[in-house]
Protein backbone atom coordinates (compact mmCIF):
# COMPACT_ATOMS: atom_id res chain seq x y z
CA MET A 1 69.24 -56.24 38.29
CA PHE A 2 65.86 -54.98 39.44
CA SER A 3 62.61 -56.20 40.91
CA VAL A 4 59.85 -56.95 38.40
CA SER A 5 56.88 -54.74 39.22
CA THR A 6 53.22 -54.90 38.31
CA LEU A 7 54.25 -53.11 35.12
CA ALA A 8 55.46 -56.45 33.77
CA VAL A 9 51.93 -57.57 32.88
CA ILE A 10 51.27 -54.38 30.93
CA ALA A 11 54.71 -54.49 29.32
CA ALA A 12 54.20 -58.07 28.16
CA ALA A 13 50.97 -57.21 26.38
CA VAL A 14 52.46 -54.11 24.78
CA SER A 15 55.62 -55.91 23.71
CA HIS A 16 53.61 -58.69 22.08
CA ALA A 17 51.52 -56.18 20.15
CA HIS A 18 54.59 -54.25 19.06
CA ALA A 19 56.45 -57.34 17.94
CA ALA A 20 53.94 -57.86 15.17
CA ALA A 21 53.91 -54.22 14.06
CA PRO A 22 55.97 -53.58 10.90
CA GLY A 23 56.43 -49.93 11.85
CA PHE A 24 58.06 -50.62 15.21
CA ILE A 25 61.68 -50.79 16.44
CA ALA A 26 62.07 -52.48 19.82
CA ALA A 27 64.03 -50.84 22.60
CA ASN A 28 66.42 -53.79 22.86
CA ASP A 29 67.49 -53.64 19.21
CA PRO A 30 71.29 -53.99 19.28
CA LEU A 31 71.69 -50.83 17.17
CA MET A 32 69.97 -48.66 19.79
CA GLN A 33 72.43 -46.62 21.87
CA TYR A 34 71.97 -45.75 25.54
CA VAL A 35 73.87 -43.26 27.69
CA GLY A 36 73.29 -43.36 31.43
CA ARG A 37 72.02 -46.07 33.72
CA PHE A 38 69.41 -48.25 32.03
CA ALA A 39 67.95 -51.53 33.25
CA SER A 40 66.73 -54.23 30.88
CA GLY A 41 63.01 -54.46 31.47
CA PRO A 42 60.53 -57.19 30.78
CA ASN A 43 59.85 -58.13 27.16
CA SER A 44 62.47 -56.06 25.37
CA ALA A 45 61.90 -52.78 27.24
CA MET A 46 64.49 -50.48 28.84
CA MET A 47 63.92 -48.75 32.18
CA PHE A 48 65.52 -45.53 33.44
CA ASP A 49 64.98 -42.59 35.78
CA MET A 50 68.23 -40.74 36.41
CA PRO A 51 68.78 -37.27 34.90
CA GLY A 52 70.54 -37.16 31.56
CA CYS A 53 69.66 -40.70 30.53
CA GLU A 54 69.71 -40.66 26.75
CA ILE A 55 68.39 -42.84 23.92
CA ARG A 56 70.09 -42.54 20.52
CA ALA A 57 69.12 -44.07 17.20
CA ARG A 58 69.81 -43.56 13.51
CA VAL A 59 66.60 -44.41 11.66
CA THR A 60 65.89 -44.69 7.94
CA LEU A 61 62.29 -43.98 6.94
CA PRO A 62 61.11 -45.18 3.51
CA ALA A 63 58.50 -42.40 3.44
CA ALA A 64 57.54 -39.37 5.50
CA ALA A 65 56.22 -40.58 8.83
CA HIS A 66 55.22 -39.61 12.32
CA VAL A 67 57.63 -41.17 14.81
CA THR A 68 56.62 -41.72 18.41
CA ALA A 69 58.34 -43.09 21.49
CA ALA A 70 56.32 -45.77 23.29
CA MET A 71 56.74 -45.09 27.02
CA SER A 72 55.13 -45.69 30.35
CA GLN A 73 55.99 -44.46 33.82
CA GLN A 74 55.66 -46.41 37.01
CA HIS A 75 52.87 -44.80 38.99
CA ASN A 76 52.99 -45.59 42.70
CA PRO A 77 51.26 -43.76 45.55
CA PRO A 78 53.39 -41.98 48.17
CA PRO A 79 54.37 -43.89 51.31
CA PRO A 80 51.85 -43.88 54.18
CA ASN A 81 52.10 -41.09 56.76
CA PRO A 82 54.87 -39.20 54.95
CA GLN A 83 56.94 -36.66 56.86
CA GLY A 84 59.50 -34.09 55.77
CA ASN A 85 60.51 -34.47 52.16
CA SER A 86 59.03 -37.98 52.16
CA LYS A 87 55.73 -36.28 51.33
CA ASN A 88 57.21 -35.68 47.86
CA SER A 89 57.87 -39.38 47.31
CA GLY A 90 55.68 -40.98 44.67
CA PHE A 91 54.72 -40.30 41.07
CA GLN A 92 56.27 -37.21 39.52
CA ALA A 93 56.25 -36.25 35.87
CA ASN A 94 59.36 -36.28 33.67
CA ALA A 95 60.41 -33.88 30.94
CA LEU A 96 62.16 -35.24 27.84
CA VAL A 97 63.94 -33.36 25.08
CA VAL A 98 64.29 -34.67 21.52
CA TRP A 99 66.80 -33.73 18.85
CA ILE A 100 66.32 -34.85 15.24
CA ASP A 101 69.41 -34.37 13.07
CA GLY A 102 70.76 -32.01 15.72
CA VAL A 103 67.65 -29.79 15.75
CA ARG A 104 65.88 -29.47 19.08
CA GLN A 105 62.19 -30.31 18.77
CA GLY A 106 59.37 -28.50 20.51
CA PRO A 107 58.93 -24.93 21.74
CA GLY A 108 62.66 -24.20 21.97
CA GLY A 109 64.73 -22.60 24.69
CA HIS A 110 65.11 -25.01 27.60
CA ASN A 111 61.56 -26.30 27.27
CA ALA A 112 60.85 -30.00 26.95
CA THR A 113 59.74 -31.59 23.70
CA PHE A 114 57.21 -33.61 25.66
CA THR A 115 56.46 -34.38 29.27
CA THR A 116 54.81 -37.37 30.85
CA SER A 117 52.54 -35.01 32.78
CA ASN A 118 50.51 -34.26 29.65
CA VAL A 119 48.42 -37.41 29.80
CA LEU A 120 49.97 -39.82 32.25
CA THR A 121 47.80 -40.86 35.17
CA SER A 122 48.81 -44.51 35.43
CA SER A 123 51.53 -46.88 34.27
CA GLN A 124 49.82 -47.59 30.93
CA VAL A 125 51.79 -47.06 27.71
CA TYR A 126 51.54 -43.82 25.74
CA GLN A 127 52.89 -42.75 22.36
CA TYR A 128 54.85 -39.48 22.51
CA ASP A 129 55.45 -37.75 19.18
CA LEU A 130 59.13 -36.92 18.76
CA THR A 131 58.30 -33.52 17.29
CA GLY A 132 56.26 -32.52 20.32
CA ALA A 133 52.93 -30.75 20.13
CA SER A 134 53.41 -29.97 16.44
CA ASN A 135 52.92 -33.68 15.67
CA THR A 136 54.86 -33.21 12.44
CA ALA A 137 55.82 -35.94 9.99
CA ILE A 138 59.55 -36.53 9.62
CA PRO A 139 60.70 -36.62 5.96
CA ALA A 140 61.81 -39.82 4.27
CA GLY A 141 65.50 -40.57 4.66
CA THR A 142 68.00 -41.30 7.40
CA HIS A 143 67.76 -39.31 10.62
CA ASP A 144 69.68 -39.19 13.89
CA ILE A 145 67.40 -39.16 16.93
CA ARG A 146 68.27 -38.31 20.55
CA ILE A 147 65.78 -38.58 23.42
CA PHE A 148 67.15 -36.98 26.60
CA LYS A 149 65.72 -37.00 30.15
CA ALA A 150 65.93 -33.44 31.48
CA THR A 151 64.56 -34.00 34.99
CA GLU A 152 65.76 -35.91 38.02
CA ALA A 153 64.38 -39.20 39.29
CA ASP A 154 61.91 -37.98 41.89
CA TRP A 155 62.38 -34.48 43.25
CA ASN A 156 63.20 -34.18 46.96
CA GLY A 157 61.62 -37.50 47.87
CA GLY A 158 63.44 -38.87 50.90
CA SER A 159 61.61 -42.22 50.84
CA PRO A 160 61.86 -43.32 47.20
CA VAL A 161 59.07 -45.31 45.57
CA PRO A 162 59.20 -46.57 41.96
CA ASN A 163 58.87 -43.65 39.54
CA TYR A 164 60.93 -44.89 36.60
CA VAL A 165 60.19 -44.55 32.89
CA THR A 166 59.97 -47.62 30.65
CA PHE A 167 60.87 -47.25 26.97
CA TYR A 168 59.48 -49.91 24.63
CA GLY A 169 60.66 -48.61 21.28
CA LEU A 170 59.95 -46.31 18.34
CA ARG A 171 56.78 -46.49 16.26
CA THR A 172 56.19 -45.02 12.78
CA SER A 173 52.88 -44.24 11.15
CA SER A 174 51.49 -42.29 8.20
CA GLN A 175 48.08 -41.51 6.77
CA ALA A 176 49.49 -41.53 3.27
CA GLN A 177 51.17 -44.94 3.27
CA ALA A 178 50.24 -48.42 4.34
CA ALA A 179 51.89 -49.41 7.59
CA SER A 180 53.80 -52.18 5.86
CA ALA A 181 55.43 -49.61 3.55
CA LEU A 182 56.68 -47.63 6.51
CA ALA A 183 58.81 -50.26 8.17
CA PRO A 184 61.71 -48.22 9.59
CA ARG A 185 65.28 -49.48 9.57
CA LEU A 186 67.92 -48.83 12.20
CA GLU A 187 71.39 -47.91 10.99
CA GLN A 188 74.70 -47.91 12.79
CA SER A 189 74.90 -44.67 14.77
CA PRO A 190 78.15 -42.73 15.21
CA PRO A 191 80.22 -44.24 18.02
CA LEU A 192 79.74 -42.81 21.50
CA PRO A 193 82.59 -40.82 23.07
CA THR A 194 85.23 -43.00 24.66
CA ARG A 195 85.81 -40.69 27.63
CA LYS A 196 83.50 -41.31 30.59
CA ILE A 197 82.67 -39.00 33.50
CA GLU A 198 80.31 -39.82 36.34
CA PHE A 199 78.67 -37.29 38.68
CA LEU A 200 77.14 -37.80 42.10
CA GLY A 201 75.33 -34.89 43.69
CA ASP A 202 72.20 -33.13 44.86
CA SER A 203 70.10 -30.24 43.55
CA ILE A 204 73.22 -28.30 42.51
CA THR A 205 74.13 -31.11 40.12
CA ALA A 206 70.55 -31.91 39.03
CA GLY A 207 69.92 -28.29 38.05
CA PHE A 208 67.06 -27.51 40.42
CA CYS A 209 65.62 -24.05 39.61
CA ASN A 210 68.44 -23.21 37.19
CA GLU A 211 65.90 -21.65 34.81
CA CYS A 212 65.02 -19.03 37.48
CA LYS A 213 61.27 -19.36 36.96
CA GLN A 214 60.25 -21.04 40.20
CA GLN A 215 56.59 -20.57 41.02
CA PRO A 216 56.13 -20.74 44.81
CA ALA A 217 52.44 -21.55 44.33
CA ASP A 218 53.25 -24.68 42.35
CA PRO A 219 55.60 -27.04 44.22
CA THR A 220 55.69 -29.42 41.24
CA ASP A 221 57.34 -26.76 39.04
CA HIS A 222 61.05 -27.17 39.68
CA ASN A 223 62.19 -25.28 36.59
CA GLU A 224 65.22 -27.46 36.17
CA ALA A 225 66.90 -28.04 32.86
CA TYR A 226 69.31 -30.90 33.18
CA GLY A 227 71.55 -30.59 30.17
CA ALA A 228 72.23 -26.92 30.94
CA THR A 229 73.76 -27.94 34.27
CA TRP A 230 77.46 -27.50 35.06
CA ASP A 231 78.06 -31.24 35.09
CA HIS A 232 76.49 -32.00 31.72
CA GLN A 233 78.20 -28.98 30.20
CA ILE A 234 81.52 -30.41 31.38
CA CYS A 235 80.78 -33.66 29.54
CA THR A 236 79.88 -31.75 26.38
CA THR A 237 83.02 -29.62 26.57
CA LEU A 238 85.28 -32.63 27.11
CA ASP A 239 83.43 -34.90 24.62
CA ALA A 240 82.65 -37.50 27.26
CA GLN A 241 79.80 -39.85 28.01
CA CYS A 242 77.98 -38.60 31.08
CA HIS A 243 76.39 -40.61 33.89
CA THR A 244 74.69 -38.57 36.60
CA ALA A 245 73.11 -39.63 39.87
CA ALA A 246 71.72 -36.42 41.39
CA TRP A 247 68.73 -35.91 43.63
CA SER A 248 67.54 -32.67 45.20
CA GLY A 249 67.31 -32.69 48.98
CA LEU A 250 69.46 -35.78 49.54
CA GLY A 251 72.87 -35.81 51.23
CA MET A 252 75.80 -38.04 52.01
CA VAL A 253 74.64 -39.04 55.51
CA ARG A 254 71.62 -36.81 56.16
CA ASN A 255 68.99 -35.24 53.91
CA CYS A 256 67.96 -31.65 54.18
CA CYS A 257 64.32 -32.35 54.98
CA GLY A 258 63.76 -35.93 56.08
CA GLY A 259 63.76 -39.44 54.72
CA ASN A 260 66.21 -42.25 55.38
CA THR A 261 67.56 -42.85 51.87
CA THR A 262 70.80 -40.97 51.15
CA MET A 263 72.93 -40.65 48.04
CA PRO A 264 75.36 -43.54 48.71
CA THR A 265 72.35 -45.86 48.34
CA ILE A 266 71.20 -44.13 45.15
CA PHE A 267 74.74 -44.37 43.74
CA SER A 268 74.65 -48.16 43.96
CA GLN A 269 71.42 -48.48 41.96
CA THR A 270 70.54 -48.68 38.30
CA LEU A 271 67.10 -47.19 38.96
CA ALA A 272 67.24 -44.45 41.56
CA THR A 273 63.62 -44.96 42.59
CA ASP A 274 63.78 -48.75 42.80
CA LEU A 275 65.67 -49.69 45.95
CA ALA A 276 65.80 -53.30 44.76
CA SER A 277 67.86 -52.44 41.68
CA SER A 278 71.64 -52.84 41.58
CA TRP A 279 74.12 -51.18 39.23
CA PRO A 280 76.60 -53.58 37.52
CA TRP A 281 79.77 -51.53 37.95
CA SER A 282 81.78 -53.41 35.34
CA SER A 283 79.30 -52.50 32.58
CA TRP A 284 80.55 -48.91 32.39
CA VAL A 285 83.94 -47.89 33.78
CA ALA A 286 84.34 -44.20 34.52
CA ASP A 287 87.58 -42.29 33.89
CA ALA A 288 86.55 -39.60 36.37
CA LEU A 289 84.06 -39.42 39.23
CA VAL A 290 82.92 -35.96 40.39
CA ILE A 291 81.07 -35.66 43.70
CA ASN A 292 79.47 -32.65 45.35
CA LEU A 293 77.57 -33.72 48.47
CA GLY A 294 77.38 -31.87 51.76
CA THR A 295 75.04 -28.94 51.24
CA ASN A 296 72.01 -30.92 52.38
CA ASP A 297 73.95 -32.61 55.17
CA GLY A 298 74.36 -29.25 56.88
CA GLY A 299 75.77 -29.63 60.38
CA ALA A 300 75.94 -33.42 59.97
CA ALA A 301 79.02 -32.94 57.77
CA THR A 302 80.98 -31.65 60.77
CA ASP A 303 79.26 -33.59 63.57
CA PRO A 304 81.26 -36.79 64.24
CA LYS A 305 78.18 -38.77 65.28
CA TYR A 306 76.95 -38.70 61.66
CA THR A 307 80.22 -40.21 60.31
CA TYR A 308 80.23 -37.95 57.23
CA VAL A 309 83.98 -38.27 56.66
CA SER A 310 84.17 -42.03 57.10
CA THR A 311 81.04 -42.67 55.00
CA TYR A 312 82.35 -40.41 52.24
CA THR A 313 85.79 -42.04 52.37
CA LYS A 314 84.30 -45.54 52.09
CA LEU A 315 82.25 -44.49 49.06
CA VAL A 316 85.29 -43.03 47.27
CA VAL A 317 87.52 -46.02 48.02
CA ALA A 318 84.77 -48.43 46.91
CA ALA A 319 84.31 -46.49 43.64
CA ALA A 320 88.04 -46.75 42.97
CA LYS A 321 87.86 -50.51 43.48
CA HIS A 322 84.91 -50.72 41.07
CA TYR A 323 86.51 -48.60 38.35
CA GLY A 324 90.16 -49.47 38.80
CA PRO A 325 93.43 -47.68 39.61
CA ASN A 326 93.15 -45.22 36.71
CA LEU A 327 90.07 -43.53 38.16
CA HIS A 328 90.43 -39.89 39.16
CA VAL A 329 88.00 -38.63 41.82
CA PHE A 330 87.13 -34.95 42.10
CA LEU A 331 85.48 -33.94 45.37
CA ALA A 332 83.78 -30.55 45.24
CA CYS A 333 82.63 -28.00 47.79
CA GLY A 334 80.40 -24.98 47.13
CA PRO A 335 78.85 -22.84 45.84
CA MET A 336 75.77 -22.80 48.12
CA SER A 337 77.68 -23.66 51.29
CA GLU A 338 81.29 -23.88 52.38
CA SER A 339 80.67 -25.50 55.76
CA TYR A 340 81.61 -28.97 54.45
CA CYS A 341 84.85 -27.96 52.70
CA ALA A 342 87.14 -28.97 55.59
CA PRO A 343 85.55 -32.44 55.91
CA VAL A 344 85.86 -32.89 52.14
CA GLN A 345 89.55 -32.04 52.35
CA GLN A 346 89.90 -34.73 55.04
CA VAL A 347 88.17 -37.26 52.76
CA ILE A 348 90.67 -36.40 50.03
CA THR A 349 93.56 -36.98 52.42
CA ASN A 350 92.06 -40.30 53.52
CA ALA A 351 91.43 -41.41 49.94
CA GLN A 352 94.93 -40.48 48.82
CA GLY A 353 96.27 -42.48 51.72
CA ALA A 354 94.33 -45.46 50.37
CA GLY A 355 95.93 -45.03 46.95
CA VAL A 356 93.05 -43.19 45.26
CA LYS A 357 93.77 -40.35 42.82
CA ALA A 358 91.63 -37.77 44.65
CA HIS A 359 91.48 -34.03 43.98
CA PHE A 360 89.65 -30.98 45.36
CA LEU A 361 87.28 -29.26 42.92
CA ASP A 362 86.78 -25.74 44.21
CA GLN A 363 83.26 -24.52 43.47
CA ARG A 364 83.21 -21.80 46.10
CA GLY A 365 82.33 -18.24 45.19
CA PHE A 366 80.25 -18.88 42.09
CA LEU A 367 77.14 -17.43 43.76
CA ASN A 368 78.77 -14.11 44.64
CA GLY A 369 76.77 -12.35 41.92
CA THR A 370 79.56 -11.87 39.40
CA PHE A 371 78.88 -15.05 37.41
CA GLY A 372 75.12 -14.70 37.08
CA PRO A 373 72.01 -14.69 39.27
CA ALA A 374 71.06 -17.17 41.92
CA CYS A 375 67.76 -18.96 41.41
CA CYS A 376 65.95 -20.07 44.57
CA GLY A 377 69.41 -19.88 46.14
CA HIS A 378 70.81 -22.26 43.52
CA PRO A 379 73.05 -21.77 40.49
CA SER A 380 71.33 -20.32 37.43
CA ILE A 381 72.22 -21.55 33.95
CA GLU A 382 74.69 -18.66 33.71
CA VAL A 383 76.36 -19.79 36.94
CA ASP A 384 76.25 -23.41 35.77
CA THR A 385 78.15 -22.34 32.66
CA ALA A 386 80.85 -20.58 34.68
CA MET A 387 81.19 -23.62 36.93
CA ALA A 388 81.46 -25.84 33.86
CA VAL A 389 84.24 -23.76 32.32
CA ASN A 390 86.22 -23.95 35.56
CA GLY A 391 85.53 -27.64 36.16
CA ALA A 392 86.23 -28.75 32.61
CA ALA A 393 89.57 -26.93 32.59
CA PHE A 394 90.61 -28.53 35.87
CA ILE A 395 89.55 -32.05 34.86
CA LYS A 396 91.17 -31.69 31.44
CA ALA A 397 94.47 -30.56 32.93
CA THR A 398 94.43 -33.27 35.60
CA LEU A 399 93.65 -36.12 33.19
CA GLY A 400 95.82 -34.80 30.37
CA TRP A 401 92.89 -34.61 27.96
């Protein structure tokens, strides 16, 4: 499913140490739940990098304990002689949000509970407290835990290099109790939603700058809160599992700012930043696929030499073959550009001719100022919410949900 990296040696040592620890639950425990694209890593670990990937667990603690997530992040240098947005390829930090019993942990708002940028300088394993900087003990009893990735795989990096996160498991510890008395127990979590929606997009879908706090002096501060995006809000509204492959700067056939890797390649992968990975389509069958790609393509969407329409059509038809005849595909245009709307309409016609249930999702006009502010030219959280209300209503009516 993926190429084994140099991380395997580190992972093997960590996994062996964890296996003997009474206060540790391994990532591959069958009662762990995962939403999004995850790859089975070496020695019981799980690897992921796409936005919205989520880890869920129901844990019983025999006594009050600190609970940490054991994680590492692949740390590769950028490619040699980078140009365009390829200069952004390489290690980038990730923000993760934790909920315990439905209560968001950390500073609140749309801030992360913890971020890998705090201490991470290599692919070694770190323990991240699930309560964030407060480092608070969780009371004895049974608790529902959600760990949610709120950032995209590798922002605007047109030549992807491995930047994925590896999750080894949950560790418990306490100063008041012996470690052996703190052995946690996993319980059966509530079942995941049966509805499944997949999204394929760029910065509009990933939520780039939707918090409206972009600092021009700090190019690493993207102020994106995936989870407040229009796509994830649709999944929440419709009670659906959400898979999202979204990457700022990338397009269907041409990226905004350089690099040769485009979103059709990313769509076929389990790990967006590992070009050797491959997504097993039969492992998760979507009911609906929503695509918004064309803003970064610019003039390539209407220039025949770039084959935007034929490439897009092939992707949609292939997705329908992967997911079966019941799949509904929603192809969007807007709100940052409308130049690719006519080509998208042609893709819909082509797909319908091939027997695909394809529909136009109109996202034009949402940046006209009446739905909320634009942030760095992108939808704000207010605009995301308006887009979600419109999109959820259309998908619900079309699928009869």
